Amino acid sequence: MTVTIAEEVLLLAYSEDGMPLISWPQLDPALAGAILAELAIRERVEVSDEKVTLKDASPLGDAELDAALARIASESTEQKPVWWIKQLRSAELRQRLLSRLAESGVLSEQRAKRMIIFTTMRWPEADPSVEGEVRDRVHGVLTGADPDARTAALIAIVHAAKLDREVFPEGSEQRVAEVMEGAWAVDAVAKTIAGVQAAAMAAANVVIITTTTTTTGLLSG
């Protein structure tokens, strides 16, 4: 079965029992970056540190990739990768990709009630062969095999999302750097993902600190 790089990232980002291994502020920019990287690999855009340039607006036949490509084509001025990752990242993108994997039989969708009013979602694997192929491919590269463009992009994005220690503890920093060396578009996307994640995590921490301070003040007042 063929899946996109974003779907490969998503499969690696969830445990076998269907729970996320990293937070949404880490995962959502990674998924957006994976969309951008795939458009670059499939020669629809050119990505540098400074801008994303449209090369070919013809559709690829994938709903998510084509929607992102259409948005890039409709923009009157060239924008930086960070701008596009912020535009493309969303909980809705994550949900659509999860639902698509469930509809194709790779994942299953399970809802559970907590404390009566809260509904939690789990996405356990239904067909482990798809993620198994991804893991085998990445493991081969991290242990010395020559990477193809897609696998190099996946490794770079997983590393940027700080997910590699969770799913590929055998991969060294040196080997990851070797895989990314010379893949300028992938490297630009990975750096951008890391920057967007850092900003999102900082914003989330501000909200938590502010909420905690306000609550403490109310309780002590």
C-alpha atoms as a PDB file:
ATOM      1  CA  MET A   1       0.000   0.000   0.000  1.00  0.00           C
ATOM      2  CA  THR A   2       1.270   3.480  -0.907  1.00  0.00           C
ATOM      3  CA  VAL A   3       1.111   6.180   1.762  1.00  0.00           C
ATOM      4  CA  THR A   4       2.404   9.744   1.810  1.00  0.00           C
ATOM      5  CA  ILE A   5       5.369  10.899   3.870  1.00  0.00           C
ATOM      6  CA  ALA A   6       2.944  12.703   6.183  1.00  0.00           C
ATOM      7  CA  GLU A   7       1.075   9.440   6.780  1.00  0.00           C
ATOM      8  CA  GLU A   8       4.374   7.666   7.458  1.00  0.00           C
ATOM      9  CA  VAL A   9       5.221  10.315  10.073  1.00  0.00           C
ATOM     10  CA  LEU A  10       1.779   9.829  11.612  1.00  0.00           C
ATOM     11  CA  LEU A  11       2.169   6.051  11.824  1.00  0.00           C
ATOM     12  CA  LEU A  12       5.491   6.449  13.612  1.00  0.00           C
ATOM     13  CA  ALA A  13       4.085   9.129  15.923  1.00  0.00           C
ATOM     14  CA  TYR A  14       1.438   6.802  17.399  1.00  0.00           C
ATOM     15  CA  SER A  15       2.016   3.794  19.631  1.00  0.00           C
ATOM     16  CA  GLU A  16       0.663   0.363  18.735  1.00  0.00           C
ATOM     17  CA  ASP A  17      -2.305   0.940  21.041  1.00  0.00           C
ATOM     18  CA  GLY A  18      -3.163   4.155  19.232  1.00  0.00           C
ATOM     19  CA  MET A  19      -1.886   6.915  21.510  1.00  0.00           C
ATOM     20  CA  PRO A  20       0.389   9.780  20.357  1.00  0.00           C
ATOM     21  CA  LEU A  21       4.046   9.640  21.373  1.00  0.00           C
ATOM     22  CA  ILE A  22       4.577  13.399  21.048  1.00  0.00           C
ATOM     23  CA  SER A  23       2.423  16.472  21.653  1.00  0.00           C
ATOM     24  CA  TRP A  24       0.284  18.234  19.037  1.00  0.00           C
ATOM     25  CA  PRO A  25       2.600  21.295  18.935  1.00  0.00           C
ATOM     26  CA  GLN A  26       5.368  18.880  17.906  1.00  0.00           C
ATOM     27  CA  LEU A  27       3.339  16.684  15.559  1.00  0.00           C
ATOM     28  CA  ASP A  28       1.253  19.181  13.571  1.00  0.00           C
ATOM     29  CA  PRO A  29       4.195  21.194  12.143  1.00  0.00           C
ATOM     30  CA  ALA A  30       5.893  17.898  11.262  1.00  0.00           C
ATOM     31  CA  LEU A  31       2.860  16.792   9.229  1.00  0.00           C
ATOM     32  CA  ALA A  32       2.736  20.137   7.416  1.00  0.00           C
ATOM     33  CA  GLY A  33       6.467  19.915   6.760  1.00  0.00           C
ATOM     34  CA  ALA A  34       6.034  16.404   5.389  1.00  0.00           C
ATOM     35  CA  ILE A  35       3.457  17.695   2.896  1.00  0.00           C
ATOM     36  CA  LEU A  36       5.881  20.409   1.792  1.00  0.00           C
ATOM     37  CA  ALA A  37       8.804  17.988   1.553  1.00  0.00           C
ATOM     38  CA  GLU A  38       6.807  15.572  -0.581  1.00  0.00           C
ATOM     39  CA  LEU A  39       5.807  18.338  -2.977  1.00  0.00           C
ATOM     40  CA  ALA A  40       9.516  19.175  -3.299  1.00  0.00           C
ATOM     41  CA  ILE A  41      10.553  15.559  -3.842  1.00  0.00           C
ATOM     42  CA  ARG A  42       7.861  15.137  -6.486  1.00  0.00           C
ATOM     43  CA  GLU A  43       9.119  18.287  -8.208  1.00  0.00           C
ATOM     44  CA  ARG A  44       6.054  20.456  -7.720  1.00  0.00           C
ATOM     45  CA  VAL A  45       7.867  23.058  -5.614  1.00  0.00           C
ATOM     46  CA  GLU A  46      11.419  24.101  -4.856  1.00  0.00           C
ATOM     47  CA  VAL A  47      12.250  24.753  -1.211  1.00  0.00           C
ATOM     48  CA  SER A  48      15.135  26.791   0.193  1.00  0.00           C
ATOM     49  CA  ASP A  49      15.694  28.484   3.541  1.00  0.00           C
ATOM     50  CA  GLU A  50      14.273  31.691   2.097  1.00  0.00           C
ATOM     51  CA  LYS A  51      11.326  30.686  -0.069  1.00  0.00           C
ATOM     52  CA  VAL A  52       9.039  28.060  -1.571  1.00  0.00           C
ATOM     53  CA  THR A  53       8.867  28.376  -5.356  1.00  0.00           C
ATOM     54  CA  LEU A  54       6.180  26.776  -7.498  1.00  0.00           C
ATOM     55  CA  LYS A  55       7.614  24.625 -10.300  1.00  0.00           C
ATOM     56  CA  ASP A  56       4.630  22.644 -11.561  1.00  0.00           C
ATOM     57  CA  ALA A  57       0.994  23.124 -10.541  1.00  0.00           C
ATOM     58  CA  SER A  58      -0.293  19.902 -12.086  1.00  0.00           C
ATOM     59  CA  PRO A  59      -2.117  17.661  -9.549  1.00  0.00           C
ATOM     60  CA  LEU A  60      -0.533  14.518  -8.128  1.00  0.00           C
ATOM     61  CA  GLY A  61      -3.761  12.633  -7.485  1.00  0.00           C
ATOM     62  CA  ASP A  62      -3.618  12.845  -3.693  1.00  0.00           C
ATOM     63  CA  ALA A  63      -6.224  15.054  -2.009  1.00  0.00           C
ATOM     64  CA  GLU A  64      -3.958  16.503   0.702  1.00  0.00           C
ATOM     65  CA  LEU A  65      -0.956  17.080  -1.547  1.00  0.00           C
ATOM     66  CA  ASP A  66      -3.100  18.611  -4.272  1.00  0.00           C
ATOM     67  CA  ALA A  67      -4.884  20.917  -1.820  1.00  0.00           C
ATOM     68  CA  ALA A  68      -1.551  22.199  -0.502  1.00  0.00           C
ATOM     69  CA  LEU A  69      -0.206  22.580  -4.031  1.00  0.00           C
ATOM     70  CA  ALA A  70      -3.271  24.568  -5.078  1.00  0.00           C
ATOM     71  CA  ARG A  71      -2.811  26.917  -2.110  1.00  0.00           C
ATOM     72  CA  ILE A  72       0.824  27.500  -3.038  1.00  0.00           C
ATOM     73  CA  ALA A  73      -0.106  28.087  -6.688  1.00  0.00           C
ATOM     74  CA  SER A  74      -2.766  30.618  -5.695  1.00  0.00           C
ATOM     75  CA  GLU A  75      -0.390  32.728  -3.595  1.00  0.00           C
ATOM     76  CA  SER A  76       0.656  35.821  -5.546  1.00  0.00           C
ATOM     77  CA  THR A  77       4.054  36.157  -3.836  1.00  0.00           C
ATOM     78  CA  GLU A  78       6.629  33.563  -2.843  1.00  0.00           C
ATOM     79  CA  GLN A  79       6.670  32.845   0.892  1.00  0.00           C
ATOM     80  CA  LYS A  80       9.203  31.299   3.260  1.00  0.00           C
ATOM     81  CA  PRO A  81       8.896  27.642   4.348  1.00  0.00           C
ATOM     82  CA  VAL A  82       8.008  28.760   7.882  1.00  0.00           C
ATOM     83  CA  TRP A  83       5.037  30.722   6.513  1.00  0.00           C
ATOM     84  CA  TRP A  84       3.746  27.708   4.623  1.00  0.00           C
ATOM     85  CA  ILE A  85       4.177  25.293   7.507  1.00  0.00           C
ATOM     86  CA  LYS A  86       2.196  27.655   9.726  1.00  0.00           C
ATOM     87  CA  GLN A  87      -0.488  27.863   7.029  1.00  0.00           C
ATOM     88  CA  LEU A  88      -0.699  24.114   6.443  1.00  0.00           C
ATOM     89  CA  ARG A  89      -0.445  22.789  10.006  1.00  0.00           C
ATOM     90  CA  SER A  90      -3.753  22.134  11.751  1.00  0.00           C
ATOM     91  CA  ALA A  91      -5.613  19.657  13.898  1.00  0.00           C
ATOM     92  CA  GLU A  92      -7.924  19.186  10.905  1.00  0.00           C
ATOM     93  CA  LEU A  93      -5.025  17.985   8.723  1.00  0.00           C
ATOM     94  CA  ARG A  94      -4.017  15.509  11.419  1.00  0.00           C
ATOM     95  CA  GLN A  95      -7.601  14.282  11.744  1.00  0.00           C
ATOM     96  CA  ARG A  96      -8.055  13.885   7.988  1.00  0.00           C
ATOM     97  CA  LEU A  97      -4.864  11.844   7.695  1.00  0.00           C
ATOM     98  CA  LEU A  98      -5.819   9.631  10.641  1.00  0.00           C
ATOM     99  CA  SER A  99      -9.304   9.093   9.199  1.00  0.00           C
ATOM    100  CA  ARG A 100      -7.830   8.267   5.806  1.00  0.00           C
ATOM    101  CA  LEU A 101      -5.532   5.642   7.324  1.00  0.00           C
ATOM    102  CA  ALA A 102      -8.511   4.185   9.180  1.00  0.00           C
ATOM    103  CA  GLU A 103     -10.641   4.099   6.029  1.00  0.00           C
ATOM    104  CA  SER A 104      -7.876   2.231   4.189  1.00  0.00           C
ATOM    105  CA  GLY A 105      -7.630  -0.371   6.979  1.00  0.00           C
ATOM    106  CA  VAL A 106      -4.204   0.624   8.294  1.00  0.00           C
ATOM    107  CA  LEU A 107      -5.559   2.017  11.587  1.00  0.00           C
ATOM    108  CA  SER A 108      -8.764   1.491  13.508  1.00  0.00           C
ATOM    109  CA  GLU A 109     -10.741   4.252  15.186  1.00  0.00           C
ATOM    110  CA  GLN A 110     -11.789   3.799  18.808  1.00  0.00           C
ATOM    111  CA  ARG A 111     -13.731   6.284  20.921  1.00  0.00           C
ATOM    112  CA  ALA A 112     -13.907   6.097  24.691  1.00  0.00           C
ATOM    113  CA  LYS A 113     -15.711   8.146  27.322  1.00  0.00           C
ATOM    114  CA  ARG A 114     -13.809   9.561  30.275  1.00  0.00           C
ATOM    115  CA  MET A 115     -15.518  11.150  33.241  1.00  0.00           C
ATOM    116  CA  ILE A 116     -18.806  10.899  31.320  1.00  0.00           C
ATOM    117  CA  ILE A 117     -18.414  14.151  29.372  1.00  0.00           C
ATOM    118  CA  PHE A 118     -14.959  13.726  27.756  1.00  0.00           C
ATOM    119  CA  THR A 119     -14.446  11.598  24.650  1.00  0.00           C
ATOM    120  CA  THR A 120     -10.951  10.351  23.865  1.00  0.00           C
ATOM    121  CA  MET A 121      -9.796   8.924  20.552  1.00  0.00           C
ATOM    122  CA  ARG A 122      -7.391   6.080  20.013  1.00  0.00           C
ATOM    123  CA  TRP A 123      -6.004   4.940  16.664  1.00  0.00           C
ATOM    124  CA  PRO A 124      -4.529   1.435  17.156  1.00  0.00           C
ATOM    125  CA  GLU A 125      -2.982  -0.393  14.222  1.00  0.00           C
ATOM    126  CA  ALA A 126      -5.224  -2.662  12.197  1.00  0.00           C
ATOM    127  CA  ASP A 127      -2.600  -3.584   9.591  1.00  0.00           C
ATOM    128  CA  PRO A 128       0.917  -3.421  11.074  1.00  0.00           C
ATOM    129  CA  SER A 129       2.570  -4.331   7.757  1.00  0.00           C
ATOM    130  CA  VAL A 130       2.458  -0.746   6.482  1.00  0.00           C
ATOM    131  CA  GLU A 131       4.328   0.736   9.446  1.00  0.00           C
ATOM    132  CA  GLY A 132       6.562  -2.346   9.450  1.00  0.00           C
ATOM    133  CA  GLU A 133       7.728  -1.560   5.912  1.00  0.00           C
ATOM    134  CA  VAL A 134       8.421   2.055   6.894  1.00  0.00           C
ATOM    135  CA  ARG A 135      10.429   0.998   9.941  1.00  0.00           C
ATOM    136  CA  ASP A 136      12.429  -1.556   7.941  1.00  0.00           C
ATOM    137  CA  ARG A 137      13.265   1.073   5.316  1.00  0.00           C
ATOM    138  CA  VAL A 138      14.388   3.639   7.883  1.00  0.00           C
ATOM    139  CA  HIS A 139      16.309   1.074   9.943  1.00  0.00           C
ATOM    140  CA  GLY A 140      18.205   0.041   6.814  1.00  0.00           C
ATOM    141  CA  VAL A 141      19.266   3.619   6.117  1.00  0.00           C
ATOM    142  CA  LEU A 142      20.206   4.368   9.730  1.00  0.00           C
ATOM    143  CA  THR A 143      22.413   1.286   9.788  1.00  0.00           C
ATOM    144  CA  GLY A 144      24.245   2.162   6.578  1.00  0.00           C
ATOM    145  CA  ALA A 145      22.103   1.685   3.469  1.00  0.00           C
ATOM    146  CA  ASP A 146      21.982   4.472   0.884  1.00  0.00           C
ATOM    147  CA  PRO A 147      18.815   6.555   1.374  1.00  0.00           C
ATOM    148  CA  ASP A 148      16.293   7.381  -1.315  1.00  0.00           C
ATOM    149  CA  ALA A 149      14.802  10.888  -1.269  1.00  0.00           C
ATOM    150  CA  ARG A 150      11.600   9.880   0.537  1.00  0.00           C
ATOM    151  CA  THR A 151      13.383   8.009   3.310  1.00  0.00           C
ATOM    152  CA  ALA A 152      15.860  10.859   3.778  1.00  0.00           C
ATOM    153  CA  ALA A 153      12.922  13.263   4.110  1.00  0.00           C
ATOM    154  CA  LEU A 154      11.149  10.999   6.598  1.00  0.00           C
ATOM    155  CA  ILE A 155      14.257  10.656   8.776  1.00  0.00           C
ATOM    156  CA  ALA A 156      14.841  14.412   8.727  1.00  0.00           C
ATOM    157  CA  ILE A 157      11.239  15.178   9.689  1.00  0.00           C
ATOM    158  CA  VAL A 158      11.122  12.546  12.441  1.00  0.00           C
ATOM    159  CA  HIS A 159      14.368  13.973  13.805  1.00  0.00           C
ATOM    160  CA  ALA A 160      13.043  17.549  13.669  1.00  0.00           C
ATOM    161  CA  ALA A 161       9.907  16.433  15.534  1.00  0.00           C
ATOM    162  CA  LYS A 162      12.115  14.927  18.267  1.00  0.00           C
ATOM    163  CA  LEU A 163      10.464  11.613  17.599  1.00  0.00           C
ATOM    164  CA  ASP A 164      13.557   9.674  16.541  1.00  0.00           C
ATOM    165  CA  ARG A 165      14.612   8.830  20.109  1.00  0.00           C
ATOM    166  CA  GLU A 166      11.191   7.250  20.609  1.00  0.00           C
ATOM    167  CA  VAL A 167      11.035   5.154  17.452  1.00  0.00           C
ATOM    168  CA  PHE A 168      14.645   4.734  16.234  1.00  0.00           C
ATOM    169  CA  PRO A 169      16.975   4.704  19.245  1.00  0.00           C
ATOM    170  CA  GLU A 170      19.579   2.879  17.140  1.00  0.00           C
ATOM    171  CA  GLY A 171      20.107   5.905  14.889  1.00  0.00           C
ATOM    172  CA  SER A 172      23.055   8.127  15.766  1.00  0.00           C
ATOM    173  CA  GLU A 173      23.117  11.915  15.384  1.00  0.00           C
ATOM    174  CA  GLN A 174      26.061  11.515  13.025  1.00  0.00           C
ATOM    175  CA  ARG A 175      24.173   9.140  10.736  1.00  0.00           C
ATOM    176  CA  VAL A 176      21.101  11.408  10.667  1.00  0.00           C
ATOM    177  CA  ALA A 177      23.348  14.328   9.698  1.00  0.00           C
ATOM    178  CA  GLU A 178      24.918  12.212   6.935  1.00  0.00           C
ATOM    179  CA  VAL A 179      21.492  11.300   5.555  1.00  0.00           C
ATOM    180  CA  MET A 180      20.426  14.940   5.484  1.00  0.00           C
ATOM    181  CA  GLU A 181      23.686  16.216   4.004  1.00  0.00           C
ATOM    182  CA  GLY A 182      23.185  17.588   0.512  1.00  0.00           C
ATOM    183  CA  ALA A 183      19.388  17.267   0.630  1.00  0.00           C
ATOM    184  CA  TRP A 184      18.917  21.041   0.785  1.00  0.00           C
ATOM    185  CA  ALA A 185      15.137  21.119   0.410  1.00  0.00           C
ATOM    186  CA  VAL A 186      14.666  18.488   3.119  1.00  0.00           C
ATOM    187  CA  ASP A 187      17.142  20.234   5.408  1.00  0.00           C
ATOM    188  CA  ALA A 188      15.319  23.555   4.975  1.00  0.00           C
ATOM    189  CA  VAL A 189      11.987  21.927   5.815  1.00  0.00           C
ATOM    190  CA  ALA A 190      13.437  20.146   8.853  1.00  0.00           C
ATOM    191  CA  LYS A 191      14.967  23.364  10.239  1.00  0.00           C
ATOM    192  CA  THR A 192      11.666  25.152   9.732  1.00  0.00           C
ATOM    193  CA  ILE A 193       9.708  22.409  11.522  1.00  0.00           C
ATOM    194  CA  ALA A 194      12.057  22.660  14.505  1.00  0.00           C
ATOM    195  CA  GLY A 195      11.620  26.430  14.636  1.00  0.00           C
ATOM    196  CA  VAL A 196       7.835  26.310  14.403  1.00  0.00           C
ATOM    197  CA  GLN A 197       7.690  23.604  17.074  1.00  0.00           C
ATOM    198  CA  ALA A 198       9.876  25.597  19.454  1.00  0.00           C
ATOM    199  CA  ALA A 199       7.630  28.638  19.078  1.00  0.00           C
ATOM    200  CA  ALA A 200       4.475  26.550  19.563  1.00  0.00           C
ATOM    201  CA  MET A 201       5.855  24.828  22.649  1.00  0.00           C
ATOM    202  CA  ALA A 202       6.930  28.179  24.115  1.00  0.00           C
ATOM    203  CA  ALA A 203       3.437  29.577  23.528  1.00  0.00           C
ATOM    204  CA  ALA A 204       1.861  26.518  25.157  1.00  0.00           C
ATOM    205  CA  ASN A 205       4.121  26.934  28.205  1.00  0.00           C
ATOM    206  CA  VAL A 206       3.098  30.589  28.522  1.00  0.00           C
ATOM    207  CA  VAL A 207      -0.566  29.547  28.547  1.00  0.00           C
ATOM    208  CA  ILE A 208       0.087  26.902  31.213  1.00  0.00           C
ATOM    209  CA  ILE A 209       2.084  29.300  33.406  1.00  0.00           C
ATOM    210  CA  THR A 210      -0.511  32.065  33.016  1.00  0.00           C
ATOM    211  CA  THR A 211      -3.370  29.693  33.824  1.00  0.00           C
ATOM    212  CA  THR A 212      -1.565  28.276  36.848  1.00  0.00           C
ATOM    213  CA  THR A 213      -0.706  31.752  38.163  1.00  0.00           C
ATOM    214  CA  THR A 214      -4.283  32.970  37.694  1.00  0.00           C
ATOM    215  CA  THR A 215      -5.732  29.894  39.397  1.00  0.00           C
ATOM    216  CA  THR A 216      -3.309  30.182  42.310  1.00  0.00           C
ATOM    217  CA  GLY A 217      -4.181  33.851  42.714  1.00  0.00           C
ATOM    218  CA  LEU A 218      -7.893  33.114  42.756  1.00  0.00           C
ATOM    219  CA  LEU A 219      -7.496  30.331  45.302  1.00  0.00           C
ATOM    220  CA  SER A 220      -5.352  32.459  47.585  1.00  0.00           C
ATOM    221  CA  GLY A 221      -7.497  35.578  47.236  1.00  0.00           C
END
